[in-house]
Protein backbone atom coordinates (compact mmCIF):
# COMPACT_ATOMS: atom_id res chain seq x y z
CA MET A 1 -55.65 39.60 -298.69
CA PRO A 2 -57.61 42.48 -299.83
CA LEU A 3 -59.13 44.76 -297.13
CA PRO A 4 -62.84 45.59 -296.99
CA THR A 5 -63.50 48.88 -299.31
CA SER A 6 -66.40 50.90 -299.72
CA VAL A 7 -67.68 54.60 -299.36
CA THR A 8 -68.97 54.10 -295.72
CA ASN A 9 -65.22 53.42 -294.73
CA LYS A 10 -63.51 56.10 -297.43
CA LEU A 11 -62.46 53.25 -299.54
CA GLY A 12 -60.39 51.49 -296.82
CA TYR A 13 -59.01 54.63 -295.06
CA ASP A 14 -61.06 54.70 -292.24
CA ILE A 15 -59.57 51.17 -291.26
CA GLU A 16 -57.46 51.30 -288.15
CA PHE A 17 -55.40 48.66 -286.89
CA ASN A 18 -54.71 48.40 -283.05
CA ALA A 19 -51.45 48.32 -281.51
CA LYS A 20 -51.08 44.56 -282.35
CA ALA A 21 -51.78 45.10 -285.88
CA LYS A 22 -55.24 43.76 -285.95
CA TYR A 23 -58.47 45.08 -287.26
CA GLU A 24 -61.36 42.48 -287.02
CA GLU A 25 -60.26 39.37 -288.47
CA TYR A 26 -56.69 40.99 -290.45
CA THR A 27 -53.69 40.82 -289.01
CA ILE A 28 -50.70 42.71 -290.68
CA ASP A 29 -48.41 40.41 -292.22
CA PHE A 30 -45.12 42.00 -291.58
CA GLU A 31 -42.65 39.44 -293.19
CA ALA A 32 -44.59 39.56 -296.44
CA THR A 33 -44.24 43.36 -296.04
CA ALA A 34 -40.74 43.70 -295.32
CA GLU A 35 -40.28 41.19 -298.51
CA HIS A 36 -42.32 43.36 -300.86
CA LEU A 37 -40.10 46.38 -300.02
CA TYR A 38 -37.06 44.41 -300.18
CA GLN A 39 -38.20 42.98 -303.83
CA LEU A 40 -39.12 46.57 -304.74
CA GLN A 41 -35.57 47.93 -303.91
CA VAL A 42 -33.81 44.94 -305.69
CA ALA A 43 -36.29 45.69 -308.94
CA ALA A 44 -35.57 49.26 -308.78
CA LYS A 45 -31.56 48.66 -308.59
CA ALA A 46 -31.78 46.41 -311.48
CA ASN A 47 -33.46 49.01 -313.52
CA GLY A 48 -31.11 51.97 -312.60
CA ALA A 49 -33.35 53.25 -310.17
CA GLY A 50 -33.91 53.59 -306.55
CA ILE A 51 -36.17 54.27 -303.57
CA ALA A 52 -36.32 57.86 -302.49
CA LEU A 53 -38.77 57.53 -299.65
CA VAL A 54 -40.92 55.02 -297.80
CA ILE A 55 -43.71 56.02 -295.71
CA PHE A 56 -44.94 53.70 -293.41
CA ASP A 57 -46.66 53.90 -290.00
CA ILE A 58 -44.07 55.03 -287.64
CA GLU A 59 -45.89 52.74 -284.81
CA PHE A 60 -45.17 49.77 -286.83
CA LEU A 61 -41.53 50.12 -287.80
CA PRO A 62 -40.35 48.07 -285.03
CA LYS A 63 -42.60 45.37 -286.19
CA LEU A 64 -41.31 45.44 -289.80
CA PHE A 65 -37.57 46.09 -288.50
CA ALA A 66 -37.97 42.89 -286.50
CA THR A 67 -38.58 40.66 -289.74
CA ALA A 68 -36.01 38.85 -291.49
CA ARG A 69 -35.41 41.77 -294.13
CA GLY A 70 -35.61 44.16 -291.30
CA PRO A 71 -31.91 44.90 -290.74
CA TYR A 72 -31.44 45.28 -294.50
CA LEU A 73 -34.68 47.54 -294.82
CA GLN A 74 -33.50 49.85 -291.77
CA LYS A 75 -30.03 50.26 -293.34
CA GLU A 76 -31.11 50.42 -297.14
CA LEU A 77 -34.25 52.22 -297.38
CA PRO A 78 -35.08 55.90 -296.54
CA PHE A 79 -38.35 55.74 -294.17
CA MET A 80 -39.95 58.98 -293.53
CA LYS A 81 -39.17 60.54 -290.24
CA GLY A 82 -42.09 61.70 -288.10
CA LYS A 83 -45.72 61.30 -288.35
CA PRO A 84 -47.23 61.59 -292.10
CA TRP A 85 -50.55 63.89 -291.88
CA VAL A 86 -52.80 60.41 -292.68
CA ARG A 87 -52.05 57.49 -290.80
CA HIS A 88 -50.47 54.76 -292.84
CA ASP A 89 -51.46 51.53 -290.77
CA GLU A 90 -53.44 49.81 -293.62
CA HIS A 91 -51.17 50.97 -296.77
CA TYR A 92 -47.67 52.39 -297.39
CA HIS A 93 -46.22 54.48 -299.70
CA VAL A 94 -43.07 53.95 -301.81
CA ASP A 95 -41.47 56.95 -303.82
CA PHE A 96 -38.94 55.92 -306.74
CA ARG A 97 -36.00 57.64 -307.47
CA VAL A 98 -35.82 57.45 -311.18
CA PRO A 99 -32.93 59.27 -312.91
CA CYS A 100 -34.27 61.40 -315.93
CA LYS A 101 -32.59 61.93 -318.97
CA GLN A 102 -32.07 65.27 -320.65
CA ASN A 103 -34.71 66.28 -323.23
CA ALA A 104 -32.98 66.43 -326.84
CA GLY A 105 -33.06 69.69 -328.58
């Protein structure tokens, strides 16, 4: 479900989910989020890559880890330790580890 974005809410970055993962009529679907992260890891591995870092709101990590895929994510994915400089309640980042080949010549 796309979130409302406009210049008045800084293209969505001004949206703040509360401790219950709610913002107006929206609720974060942690099962879907966990499945997305799992599938990204599976696809990365299938393509000879991996995930180097996941930036996810630290306050919501317990809810993510409580999902069906949570134990796998907690064990297999490197989540950022500490708090990022911008809150990540309405989005998350995935940095991929992609092996580079040496340039020929």
